[in-house]
Structures are given as C-alpha cells and as structure tokens.
Amino acid sequence: MSATGSLKTKLKIGIGAMILSLAMWPALLAIPFLPLTIRQRTVVGTAAIVVIEVLFWGGALLAGKEAANRYKDKLNPSRWLRKRRDPDVSDSPDSSDSEEK
C-alpha cells in the first residue's frame, strides 16, 4: 500500500470513528429506561461516555488536526445559522467617510 493510500485509509477510519461517536450520544438517553439498578445505570452511562470520547479523540488523532477541527466546527450549533462572511469585507463603516471631513 502506498503512503498516500495509507493516509487516506487513516483519514477514512478517523472520520468514521468520529461520526460513530456522534451517533452514540443519543443512545445515552435510553440508559435511564433500562431494567438495571441505579448503580448499574451509572456504570453503563459512565462507560458509554468514556467510550464515546475515546472514539472521538482516537478518530481525531487518525484523521489529523485539520479534519478534526473542520468536523468540530460543523457540529458547533452556534455556527449553524450564521451567514458566511467574505473575509475581504470589513465590519467597519466605509473608511472613505472619515476622509471626506
């Protein structure tokens, strides 16, 4: 296998692990309804959170820093409704107004 093929495989496995970790979060909502004692539910819930986090960060290590940051940015709910801004346009008023005075 070539070096680029190995990198692509690592990237795919890493992104797959991060997506799998995301898909596991809703499963935590079912834990309180399982026919287990409170102590068992606590252990299962804690273990599930640890597994989810290990999957995410292991996937982030495999995928690389850039892929992990891009993935985290897409999952940030505060950014979902923001409009994309043109980096060349500044937020300040037109600077030509101050020159006219």
Protein backbone atom coordinates (compact mmCIF):
# COMPACT_ATOMS: atom_id res chain seq x y z
CA MET A 1 0.00 0.00 0.00
CA SER A 2 1.35 3.41 -0.91
CA ALA A 3 1.91 6.19 1.59
CA THR A 4 -0.99 8.25 0.23
CA GLY A 5 -3.28 5.20 0.33
CA SER A 6 -2.33 4.66 3.96
CA LEU A 7 -3.08 8.30 4.76
CA LYS A 8 -6.46 8.11 3.02
CA THR A 9 -7.31 4.94 4.94
CA LYS A 10 -6.35 6.58 8.25
CA LEU A 11 -8.43 9.61 7.34
CA LYS A 12 -11.48 7.48 6.50
CA ILE A 13 -11.17 5.39 9.67
CA GLY A 14 -10.67 8.52 11.77
CA ILE A 15 -13.69 10.31 10.33
CA GLY A 16 -15.73 7.11 10.67
CA ALA A 17 -14.80 6.86 14.35
CA MET A 18 -15.77 10.49 14.94
CA ILE A 19 -19.13 10.00 13.19
CA LEU A 20 -19.75 6.80 15.15
CA SER A 21 -19.06 8.67 18.39
CA LEU A 22 -21.60 11.30 17.37
CA ALA A 23 -24.19 8.64 16.59
CA MET A 24 -23.72 7.07 20.04
CA TRP A 25 -24.70 10.18 22.02
CA PRO A 26 -28.47 9.69 21.58
CA ALA A 27 -28.10 6.15 22.97
CA LEU A 28 -27.33 7.73 26.34
CA LEU A 29 -30.95 8.88 26.52
CA ALA A 30 -32.08 5.23 26.69
CA ILE A 31 -29.94 4.31 29.70
CA PRO A 32 -32.39 5.58 32.37
CA PHE A 33 -35.07 3.31 30.92
CA LEU A 34 -33.01 0.13 31.02
CA PRO A 35 -34.10 -2.53 33.54
CA LEU A 36 -30.99 -2.05 35.68
CA THR A 37 -30.30 -0.87 39.20
CA ILE A 38 -29.28 2.75 39.68
CA ARG A 39 -25.70 1.69 40.29
CA GLN A 40 -25.63 -0.36 37.08
CA ARG A 41 -27.13 2.51 35.08
CA THR A 42 -24.46 4.82 36.47
CA VAL A 43 -21.69 2.44 35.45
CA VAL A 44 -23.18 1.87 31.98
CA GLY A 45 -23.66 5.61 31.42
CA THR A 46 -20.15 6.47 32.56
CA ALA A 47 -18.63 3.70 30.45
CA ALA A 48 -20.63 4.84 27.42
CA ILE A 49 -19.39 8.42 27.79
CA VAL A 50 -15.78 7.21 28.10
CA VAL A 51 -16.13 5.00 25.00
CA ILE A 52 -17.71 7.85 23.02
CA GLU A 53 -14.92 10.26 23.95
CA VAL A 54 -12.18 7.72 23.22
CA LEU A 55 -13.76 7.05 19.81
CA PHE A 56 -13.91 10.75 19.01
CA TRP A 57 -10.38 11.63 20.10
CA GLY A 58 -8.92 8.43 18.62
CA GLY A 59 -10.61 9.30 15.35
CA ALA A 60 -9.30 12.85 15.62
CA LEU A 61 -5.75 11.52 16.01
CA LEU A 62 -6.15 9.28 12.96
CA ALA A 63 -7.86 11.90 10.80
CA GLY A 64 -5.46 14.68 11.72
CA LYS A 65 -5.81 18.08 13.30
CA GLU A 66 -7.35 19.83 10.29
CA ALA A 67 -10.05 17.21 9.76
CA ALA A 68 -10.92 17.15 13.46
CA ASN A 69 -11.20 20.95 13.64
CA ARG A 70 -13.35 21.05 10.49
CA TYR A 71 -15.60 18.33 11.94
CA LYS A 72 -15.93 20.11 15.31
CA ASP A 73 -16.73 23.42 13.59
CA LYS A 74 -19.54 21.80 11.61
CA LEU A 75 -21.02 20.37 14.81
CA ASN A 76 -20.99 23.67 16.69
CA PRO A 77 -24.69 24.66 16.93
CA SER A 78 -23.87 28.36 17.35
CA ARG A 79 -22.42 28.38 13.81
CA TRP A 80 -25.30 26.62 12.06
CA LEU A 81 -27.37 29.74 11.37
CA ARG A 82 -24.57 32.24 10.78
CA LYS A 83 -24.10 33.56 7.30
CA ARG A 84 -20.70 33.04 5.78
CA ARG A 85 -18.80 36.30 5.59
CA ASP A 86 -16.43 37.38 2.88
CA PRO A 87 -13.01 37.73 4.55
CA ASP A 88 -12.19 40.74 2.33
CA VAL A 89 -15.14 42.77 3.64
CA SER A 90 -14.61 44.52 6.97
CA ASP A 91 -17.35 45.11 9.53
CA SER A 92 -16.42 48.76 9.99
CA PRO A 93 -18.21 51.54 8.10
CA ASP A 94 -16.71 52.70 4.86
CA SER A 95 -13.37 54.33 5.62
CA SER A 96 -13.90 56.87 2.82
CA ASP A 97 -16.49 58.68 5.01
CA SER A 98 -13.81 59.72 7.51
CA GLU A 99 -11.56 61.09 4.75
CA GLU A 100 -14.23 63.49 3.47
CA LYS A 101 -14.34 65.57 6.68
